[in-house]
Every structure is written in C-alpha cells, then in structure tokens.
Protein backbone atom coordinates (compact mmCIF):
# COMPACT_ATOMS: atom_id res chain seq x y z
CA UNK A 1 51.29 174.46 158.63
CA UNK A 2 51.77 176.65 161.73
CA UNK A 3 50.30 173.95 163.97
CA UNK A 4 52.66 171.39 162.47
CA UNK A 5 55.63 173.64 163.10
CA UNK A 6 54.61 174.08 166.75
CA UNK A 7 54.24 170.30 167.16
CA UNK A 8 57.73 169.83 165.78
CA UNK A 9 59.10 172.40 168.24
CA UNK A 10 57.26 170.73 171.13
CA UNK A 11 58.79 167.38 170.18
CA UNK A 12 62.26 168.89 170.08
CA UNK A 13 61.70 170.24 173.59
CA UNK A 14 60.50 166.87 174.88
CA UNK A 15 63.49 165.11 173.29
CA UNK A 16 66.00 167.55 174.77
CA UNK A 17 66.86 168.89 171.32
CA UNK A 18 65.48 172.44 171.44
CA UNK A 19 68.22 175.02 170.92
CA UNK A 20 68.10 178.51 172.36
CA UNK A 21 70.17 181.57 171.57
CA UNK A 22 72.08 183.43 174.24
CA UNK A 23 72.21 187.21 174.04
CA UNK A 24 75.81 188.37 174.26
CA UNK A 25 76.44 191.80 175.77
CA UNK A 26 80.24 191.78 175.71
CA UNK A 27 83.03 191.14 173.24
CA UNK A 28 83.78 187.50 172.51
CA UNK A 29 86.35 186.48 175.12
CA UNK A 30 87.11 183.95 177.83
CA UNK A 31 84.96 185.96 180.25
CA UNK A 32 81.68 187.16 178.76
CA UNK A 33 78.38 188.72 179.74
CA UNK A 34 75.32 186.95 178.34
CA UNK A 35 71.69 187.18 179.38
CA UNK A 36 72.79 189.79 181.95
CA UNK A 37 75.11 187.35 183.73
CA UNK A 38 78.92 187.08 183.79
CA UNK A 39 80.43 183.71 182.89
CA UNK A 40 83.71 181.94 182.29
CA UNK A 41 83.20 180.67 178.74
CA UNK A 42 84.43 177.49 177.10
CA UNK A 43 82.07 177.92 174.13
CA UNK A 44 84.06 179.97 171.65
CA UNK A 45 86.10 178.91 168.61
CA UNK A 46 88.27 182.01 169.12
CA UNK A 47 91.20 179.66 169.75
CA UNK A 48 93.93 182.32 169.93
CA UNK A 49 91.87 184.97 171.71
CA UNK A 50 92.10 187.44 168.81
CA UNK A 51 88.44 188.46 168.50
CA UNK A 52 88.84 191.36 170.91
CA UNK A 53 92.48 192.28 170.33
CA UNK A 54 93.05 196.06 170.27
CA UNK A 55 95.24 195.78 167.17
CA UNK A 56 92.38 194.24 165.19
CA UNK A 57 89.80 196.71 166.48
CA UNK A 58 92.07 199.56 165.41
CA UNK A 59 92.68 197.95 162.01
CA UNK A 60 88.95 197.63 161.38
CA UNK A 61 88.22 201.20 162.44
CA UNK A 62 90.91 202.60 160.18
CA UNK A 63 89.95 200.42 157.21
CA UNK A 64 86.26 201.28 157.53
CA UNK A 65 87.19 204.96 157.37
CA UNK A 66 89.12 204.34 154.17
CA UNK A 67 86.86 201.81 152.39
CA UNK A 68 83.39 202.30 153.85
CA UNK A 69 81.22 199.66 155.48
CA UNK A 70 79.92 197.70 152.49
CA UNK A 71 81.21 196.14 149.28
CA UNK A 72 78.23 197.33 147.25
CA UNK A 73 78.40 194.85 144.36
CA UNK A 74 79.32 191.26 143.58
CA UNK A 75 82.96 190.28 143.16
CA UNK A 76 82.81 190.20 139.37
CA UNK A 77 81.22 193.66 139.08
CA UNK A 78 82.90 196.22 141.38
CA UNK A 79 82.84 194.46 144.76
CA UNK A 80 86.42 193.10 144.70
CA UNK A 81 88.38 195.68 146.70
CA UNK A 82 92.13 196.07 147.01
CA UNK A 83 91.84 194.87 150.62
CA UNK A 84 90.22 191.63 149.43
CA UNK A 85 92.91 191.11 146.82
CA UNK A 86 95.77 191.81 149.22
CA UNK A 87 94.37 189.35 151.76
CA UNK A 88 93.98 186.59 149.16
CA UNK A 89 97.64 186.98 148.20
CA UNK A 90 98.72 187.00 151.85
CA UNK A 91 96.70 183.90 152.69
CA UNK A 92 98.08 181.98 149.70
CA UNK A 93 101.64 182.87 150.72
CA UNK A 94 100.97 181.97 154.36
CA UNK A 95 99.72 178.46 153.60
CA UNK A 96 102.26 178.09 150.78
CA UNK A 97 99.77 177.52 147.98
CA UNK A 98 99.80 179.21 144.56
CA UNK A 99 96.52 181.09 144.99
CA UNK A 100 93.59 181.71 147.34
CA UNK A 101 89.99 182.90 147.08
CA UNK A 102 87.86 184.58 149.75
CA UNK A 103 84.31 183.54 150.63
CA UNK A 104 81.95 185.19 153.11
CA UNK A 105 81.59 182.03 155.24
CA UNK A 106 82.96 178.52 155.40
CA UNK A 107 79.52 177.19 154.57
CA UNK A 108 79.42 179.22 151.37
CA UNK A 109 82.94 178.10 150.50
CA UNK A 110 82.16 174.40 150.84
CA UNK A 111 78.89 174.61 148.93
CA UNK A 112 80.43 176.73 146.21
CA UNK A 113 83.62 174.73 145.70
CA UNK A 114 82.06 171.28 145.71
CA UNK A 115 79.27 172.41 143.44
CA UNK A 116 81.77 173.92 140.99
CA UNK A 117 84.38 171.18 140.85
CA UNK A 118 82.18 168.08 140.54
CA UNK A 119 78.75 167.29 139.15
CA UNK A 120 76.77 164.58 137.40
CA UNK A 121 78.96 161.62 136.52
CA UNK A 122 81.48 162.51 139.24
CA UNK A 123 81.79 161.22 142.82
CA UNK A 124 82.43 162.67 146.27
CA UNK A 125 83.69 160.49 149.13
CA UNK A 126 82.98 161.96 152.57
CA UNK A 127 83.64 161.02 156.19
CA UNK A 128 80.40 160.29 158.05
CA UNK A 129 81.32 162.82 160.74
CA UNK A 130 82.01 165.67 158.33
CA UNK A 131 80.51 169.06 159.12
CA UNK A 132 77.01 169.65 157.73
CA UNK A 133 78.22 172.13 155.12
CA UNK A 134 80.47 169.51 153.52
CA UNK A 135 77.49 167.18 153.33
CA UNK A 136 75.27 169.88 151.88
CA UNK A 137 77.92 170.82 149.34
CA UNK A 138 78.10 167.19 148.30
CA UNK A 139 74.36 166.85 147.92
CA UNK A 140 73.96 170.11 146.02
CA UNK A 141 76.77 169.24 143.60
CA UNK A 142 74.65 166.48 141.99
CA UNK A 143 77.69 164.18 142.04
CA UNK A 144 77.20 160.72 143.48
CA UNK A 145 77.79 161.05 147.22
CA UNK A 146 79.45 158.24 149.17
CA UNK A 147 80.02 158.32 152.94
CA UNK A 148 82.53 156.13 154.76
CA UNK A 149 83.00 155.32 158.45
CA UNK A 150 84.89 157.92 160.47
CA UNK A 151 88.62 157.99 159.61
CA UNK A 152 88.31 154.52 158.00
CA UNK A 153 91.01 154.44 155.31
CA UNK A 154 90.19 150.89 154.22
CA UNK A 155 86.49 151.66 153.78
CA UNK A 156 87.38 154.68 151.67
CA UNK A 157 89.72 152.65 149.49
CA UNK A 158 87.03 150.04 148.91
CA UNK A 159 84.73 152.77 147.60
CA UNK A 160 87.43 154.25 145.37
CA UNK A 161 88.32 150.86 143.93
CA UNK A 162 84.83 150.30 142.59
CA UNK A 163 84.16 153.86 141.44
CA UNK A 164 83.76 154.50 137.71
CA UNK A 165 83.26 158.26 138.19
CA UNK A 166 84.94 160.60 135.74
CA UNK A 167 86.23 162.83 138.55
CA UNK A 168 86.70 161.73 142.17
CA UNK A 169 86.95 164.04 145.17
CA UNK A 170 87.61 163.05 148.79
CA UNK A 171 86.08 165.71 151.09
CA UNK A 172 86.93 165.66 154.79
CA UNK A 173 87.37 167.82 157.85
CA UNK A 174 90.99 168.13 158.95
CA UNK A 175 90.07 168.54 162.64
CA UNK A 176 86.59 167.28 163.42
CA UNK A 177 84.57 169.98 165.10
CA UNK A 178 82.73 167.79 167.62
CA UNK A 179 85.40 165.12 168.22
CA UNK A 180 88.60 167.15 168.05
CA UNK A 181 90.56 164.39 166.31
CA UNK A 182 92.63 164.79 163.15
CA UNK A 183 91.82 162.99 159.90
CA UNK A 184 94.43 160.59 158.43
CA UNK A 185 95.16 163.01 155.62
CA UNK A 186 98.50 161.44 154.62
CA UNK A 187 96.76 158.13 153.92
CA UNK A 188 93.99 159.91 152.02
CA UNK A 189 96.54 161.68 149.84
CA UNK A 190 98.14 158.33 149.01
CA UNK A 191 94.72 157.06 147.91
CA UNK A 192 94.27 160.15 145.76
CA UNK A 193 97.51 159.39 143.95
CA UNK A 194 96.61 155.72 143.57
CA UNK A 195 93.07 156.26 142.29
CA UNK A 196 93.45 159.62 140.51
CA UNK A 197 91.34 161.57 143.01
CA UNK A 198 91.61 165.00 144.61
CA UNK A 199 91.53 165.84 148.31
CA UNK A 200 89.36 168.67 149.64
CA UNK A 201 90.32 169.52 153.23
CA UNK A 202 88.17 171.68 155.52
CA UNK A 203 90.69 173.07 158.03
CA UNK A 204 88.28 175.27 159.97
CA UNK A 205 89.57 174.07 163.34
CA UNK A 206 93.24 173.62 162.47
CA UNK A 207 94.13 176.87 160.73
CA UNK A 208 95.88 179.25 163.12
CA UNK A 209 96.59 176.68 165.82
CA UNK A 210 98.24 173.69 164.13
CA UNK A 211 101.43 173.62 162.10
CA UNK A 212 104.47 175.83 162.18
CA UNK A 213 103.35 179.41 162.90
CA UNK A 214 99.70 178.25 162.75
CA UNK A 215 99.74 177.44 159.03
CA UNK A 216 97.26 174.62 159.55
CA UNK A 217 96.81 170.87 159.66
CA UNK A 218 98.43 170.20 156.29
CA UNK A 219 101.64 171.87 157.49
CA UNK A 220 101.32 170.07 160.82
CA UNK A 221 101.36 166.77 158.90
CA UNK A 222 103.92 167.91 156.33
CA UNK A 223 101.61 167.42 153.33
CA UNK A 224 101.93 169.24 150.01
CA UNK A 225 100.45 168.22 146.69
CA UNK A 226 98.71 169.83 143.71
CA UNK A 227 95.92 167.33 144.39
CA UNK A 228 95.04 169.12 147.65
CA UNK A 229 92.45 171.88 147.85
CA UNK A 230 92.16 173.41 151.32
CA UNK A 231 89.52 175.57 152.93
CA UNK A 232 89.85 177.39 156.23
CA UNK A 233 87.53 179.69 158.10
CA UNK A 234 88.55 183.12 159.38
CA UNK A 235 86.05 183.48 162.22
CA UNK A 236 87.70 180.96 164.54
CA UNK A 237 91.42 181.19 165.31
CA UNK A 238 91.70 184.27 163.06
CA UNK A 239 89.13 186.00 165.25
CA UNK A 240 87.17 187.87 162.55
CA UNK A 241 84.89 186.37 159.86
CA UNK A 242 84.90 184.70 156.46
CA UNK A 243 86.74 181.84 154.81
CA UNK A 244 89.23 181.13 152.05
CA UNK A 245 90.09 178.35 149.65
CA UNK A 246 93.72 177.75 148.62
CA UNK A 247 94.83 175.58 145.72
CA UNK A 248 96.59 175.53 142.37
CA UNK A 249 96.05 178.72 140.36
CA UNK A 250 93.94 176.93 137.74
CA UNK A 251 91.56 175.74 140.45
CA UNK A 252 91.15 179.23 141.91
CA UNK A 253 90.69 180.80 138.47
CA UNK A 254 88.02 178.21 137.66
CA UNK A 255 86.21 178.86 140.95
CA UNK A 256 86.12 182.60 140.26
CA UNK A 257 84.14 181.79 137.13
CA UNK A 258 81.91 178.95 138.39
CA UNK A 259 81.46 178.84 142.18
CA UNK A 260 77.91 180.14 142.52
CA UNK A 261 78.23 181.20 146.17
CA UNK A 262 81.14 183.41 145.05
CA UNK A 263 79.83 184.68 141.72
CA UNK A 264 76.33 185.57 142.94
CA UNK A 265 77.18 187.06 146.36
CA UNK A 266 78.25 190.47 147.53
CA UNK A 267 81.59 189.99 149.29
CA UNK A 268 82.17 190.83 152.93
CA UNK A 269 83.04 194.48 153.65
CA UNK A 270 86.60 195.38 152.63
CA UNK A 271 87.33 196.48 156.20
CA UNK A 272 87.02 192.86 157.33
CA UNK A 273 89.76 191.85 154.90
CA UNK A 274 92.04 194.62 156.14
CA UNK A 275 91.39 193.43 159.69
CA UNK A 276 92.18 189.85 158.67
CA UNK A 277 95.48 190.99 157.19
CA UNK A 278 96.36 192.29 160.64
CA UNK A 279 95.09 189.06 162.19
CA UNK A 280 97.28 187.00 159.87
CA UNK A 281 100.32 188.85 161.15
CA UNK A 282 99.35 188.05 164.74
CA UNK A 283 98.85 184.38 163.83
CA UNK A 284 102.26 184.21 162.16
CA UNK A 285 103.86 185.78 165.25
CA UNK A 286 101.73 183.76 167.68
CA UNK A 287 104.04 180.90 168.65
CA UNK A 288 103.86 181.92 172.32
CA UNK A 289 100.06 181.94 172.18
CA UNK A 290 100.01 178.45 170.68
CA UNK A 291 102.51 177.16 173.26
CA UNK A 292 100.31 178.51 176.05
CA UNK A 293 97.21 177.00 174.45
CA UNK A 294 98.71 173.54 174.16
CA UNK A 295 100.03 173.75 177.68
CA UNK A 296 96.46 174.37 178.89
CA UNK A 297 95.13 171.48 176.78
CA UNK A 298 97.74 169.11 178.21
CA UNK A 299 97.00 170.24 181.78
CA UNK A 300 93.27 169.73 181.30
CA UNK A 301 93.71 166.22 179.89
CA UNK A 302 96.09 165.14 182.65
CA UNK A 303 93.99 166.46 185.53
CA UNK A 304 90.47 165.51 184.42
CA UNK A 305 89.40 162.36 186.21
CA UNK A 306 85.85 161.12 185.54
CA UNK A 307 84.07 157.82 186.07
CA UNK A 308 80.60 158.69 184.72
CA UNK A 309 81.78 160.51 181.61
CA UNK A 310 84.61 159.95 179.13
CA UNK A 311 86.94 162.51 177.62
CA UNK A 312 87.26 161.62 173.96
CA UNK A 313 90.77 161.41 172.47
CA UNK A 314 91.83 164.81 171.14
CA UNK A 315 95.04 166.83 171.18
CA UNK A 316 93.37 169.96 169.82
CA UNK A 317 91.42 172.87 171.30
CA UNK A 318 88.20 170.85 170.97
CA UNK A 319 87.94 168.63 174.06
CA UNK A 320 84.69 166.60 173.95
CA UNK A 321 83.38 165.11 177.19
CA UNK A 322 81.10 162.23 176.20
CA UNK A 323 78.02 162.08 178.44
CA UNK A 324 75.50 159.91 176.55
CA UNK A 325 71.87 160.96 176.74
CA UNK A 326 70.55 164.35 175.71
CA UNK A 327 69.04 165.05 179.12
CA UNK A 328 72.23 164.07 180.98
CA UNK A 329 74.33 166.38 178.79
CA UNK A 330 71.86 169.22 179.36
CA UNK A 331 71.90 168.60 183.11
CA UNK A 332 75.70 168.74 183.26
CA UNK A 333 75.79 171.90 181.15
CA UNK A 334 73.14 173.49 183.42
CA UNK A 335 75.12 172.51 186.54
CA UNK A 336 78.25 174.20 185.18
CA UNK A 337 76.24 177.26 184.17
CA UNK A 338 74.94 177.57 187.73
CA UNK A 339 78.60 177.57 188.80
CA UNK A 340 79.31 180.45 186.41
CA UNK A 341 80.84 178.37 183.61
CA UNK A 342 79.43 178.05 180.09
CA UNK A 343 80.06 174.81 178.22
CA UNK A 344 77.61 173.87 175.44
CA UNK A 345 75.74 170.55 175.38
CA UNK A 346 76.01 169.08 171.87
CA UNK A 347 73.17 166.77 170.83
CA UNK A 348 71.82 165.06 167.71
CA UNK A 349 71.73 165.67 164.82
CA UNK A 350 75.06 167.44 165.31
CA UNK A 351 76.42 164.21 166.84
CA UNK A 352 75.09 160.63 166.57
CA UNK A 353 72.22 159.59 168.85
CA UNK A 354 73.40 158.41 172.25
CA UNK A 355 76.65 160.41 172.09
CA UNK A 356 75.53 163.77 173.49
CA UNK A 357 78.49 165.57 174.97
CA UNK A 358 79.93 168.76 176.32
CA UNK A 359 82.16 170.46 173.75
CA UNK A 360 84.88 172.15 175.78
CA UNK A 361 86.71 174.75 173.70
CA UNK A 362 90.02 175.84 175.17
CA UNK A 363 91.55 179.13 174.04
CA UNK A 364 94.92 180.80 174.42
CA UNK A 365 92.97 183.57 176.17
CA UNK A 366 92.22 181.22 179.09
CA UNK A 367 94.47 181.16 182.12
CA UNK A 368 95.59 178.14 184.12
CA UNK A 369 93.21 179.31 186.86
CA UNK A 370 90.33 179.17 184.37
CA UNK A 371 91.16 175.54 183.54
CA UNK A 372 91.44 174.67 187.22
CA UNK A 373 88.03 176.20 187.91
CA UNK A 374 86.50 174.14 185.11
CA UNK A 375 88.12 170.94 186.37
CA UNK A 376 86.90 171.54 189.90
CA UNK A 377 83.34 172.16 188.69
CA UNK A 378 83.25 169.02 186.53
CA UNK A 379 84.58 166.86 189.36
CA UNK A 380 82.02 168.33 191.75
CA UNK A 381 79.23 167.78 189.22
CA UNK A 382 80.14 164.12 188.92
CA UNK A 383 79.75 163.64 192.65
CA UNK A 384 76.45 165.54 192.87
CA UNK A 385 74.50 164.77 189.69
CA UNK A 386 72.52 161.51 189.54
CA UNK A 387 73.84 158.71 187.35
C-alpha cells in the first residue's frame, strides 16, 4: 500500500498536480509572511479584510475570557452556548430569514443539510461546477444525483420535467469559487415553483460582499421565497470561521434533529460566535469597504490586457485568469512569486482539465497600488514567459 501511495504522489508531481502547503507566519492580510518571505497576497478569501481587524481580535479575547476556549459537548447536550444562540438570531435577521443554524464549516453544513433533507426516492439537481462539498453532500444523501451543464437553465428544466422523485432539490453555488460568476438563481427559483422543488444556495463567496449591506447574493438579486434554503460561510468575508444555514423555521428545527454533522459534532468555541457577532456589525456597516473593493475590481478588469491568457467574465472578488495547461499555470504563478506576489495556480480536479488558471482574489484590504503592481507583473510575465 505504501508503495502505491508513493507512485500516486509521483504521478501527481509529473502531471503538475502536486499541492504543497505554505507556512504562514503572519496574520491573514494583503501583505503576509510565508516560508520566511514577505509577499503581496492575492490568495485569500478574506474579501473585506476583517481577519486581522483589531475590533475582532479584542472581541475574541474578551469572549474567551468569559466563555473559555472550548464548547465541551455536542449541541444537543450542553455545547450550545448563549453566544451561539445570539449569533444564529443575528444572522437570521441580517439575511431576513425566519431562522438560522450554525455549523463548524461550510463543508459540514452542505453534507449535513443535503443528507437530512433528501434521501432515497428523492432527487438532487446540481451544477457541474459546484464546489466539491455540494457534490459530496449529494452523494452521501443517497438521493438520485443529477448534474447539469454550468448555469444551463434549459438543461436543468429538462431534468426536472422527467423527474418522478418525491422531493426535488436544486443545489447550486451562488458565486462560483473558481469562475467568479453568479448563478441564474431567479430562473432556478421559477423552476422550483413550476416543478415543486426547493432551492439550496451556497453563498460562500457572496455573503458579506454582494447585496445591500453585504446581505448576500439573494439580496443582490432581490430573491425571497420559502422555497429557498441558503448557506454561507463565515471564514471568508466575515473573516473568522464557520458557516450557517438560513431558512424557514420548520427547516431549521428539522435540521437540529436530523443533520448528522450538526447533531454528532462539538460546536466551534463560543468565543468564535461572539467574534462573529462583532464581524456581522462590521459587515453591516461596511458599505465603504465594499465600494472600495468593487472599485479595485473594476480597475483591474479595465487595465488588464493579455494576449496569451484570458480573464474570465466575473464581476466579483474572484477574478480567474485562464491559462490552459497545468505547467503553464504553475510557471506563471512561480513568476509572480519571484516578483513578490502570491497568486495560486488552480488545476484539476478543482477545475476541468485544460482550464488551469490563476485565481486572483481581490480584497477591500488591497490598495490601488497593490492592484497596479499585480497588473505590471502579469504584463511583464506575458512578455517574458514562453508561449
């Protein structure tokens, strides 16, 4: 077995697919220290630059002094702290849904919710470019699992038309993590109403940055319906950790009883929830941060001019630069790293074969000078790297 594992690792290396961890020696920010070197970073999902905000550090320190550093038991025993409960109520009010439920990670939320709401005899319909945790949640649920071409409303409708499933659930990302585009959620909701389905929306990359006051993609699109169940992560724009699901009260009450990743897990430390309550206030008051962020995104899109590589269409913080081959994406990422700029090369299976890319994450913590430095380095790389 060990020899087989090593062969698999060697093949990954030869195919340009071997991943390596960087050792971070600084707070998460636009300028970081990793592997003993200082870099300008475009790697983080900390879209509002909150991960190192003094207000949140102070909130965590105070809450840890009051609640300790661990939850100590599962939610349904004695692990559900007042800080958890307060945050759930605040999140539900913020996204204007009747109720919300905390999970330790977005992955656990997606697996737990899909596994609880549908099962044998039911059907899930999923975009082919959904995040891996949505796919895993679909597979683990034991419902029939149908995938449709990216953002293809007609293909989805064709599947729904022929479905005889007792319960039908459309599960999609709101903002796609490697493409940066937004799903046609309004059209999906219309299909839900037409074919008696429900819509599960993973808003990991929209919450905090889209919609009025950062309330998310559903608010950005003006969508409200009892058929919608939304999930958002709290380790990206919120700057801390965790995830929540918001929906009708009956849905949340049912998940408390049946979502295995909730029932059988010890919740995150209460101090994290107290910190997230402070983060939620910053998000709600963060219109200036979002305006700055979208000004940087617009500047980057207008001033990037490439012939070898193509910037994929996105109006969000995720700006993917399509390169093509694994080795070419790695070479471009290495060139930028040598110039003191970190941008990750994204390769299969995270993206389809032949579509390796640089995933440029722009944050409100970046300055215009940071964006200009990145643009200059990309333009220089295009003139110096071989085709």
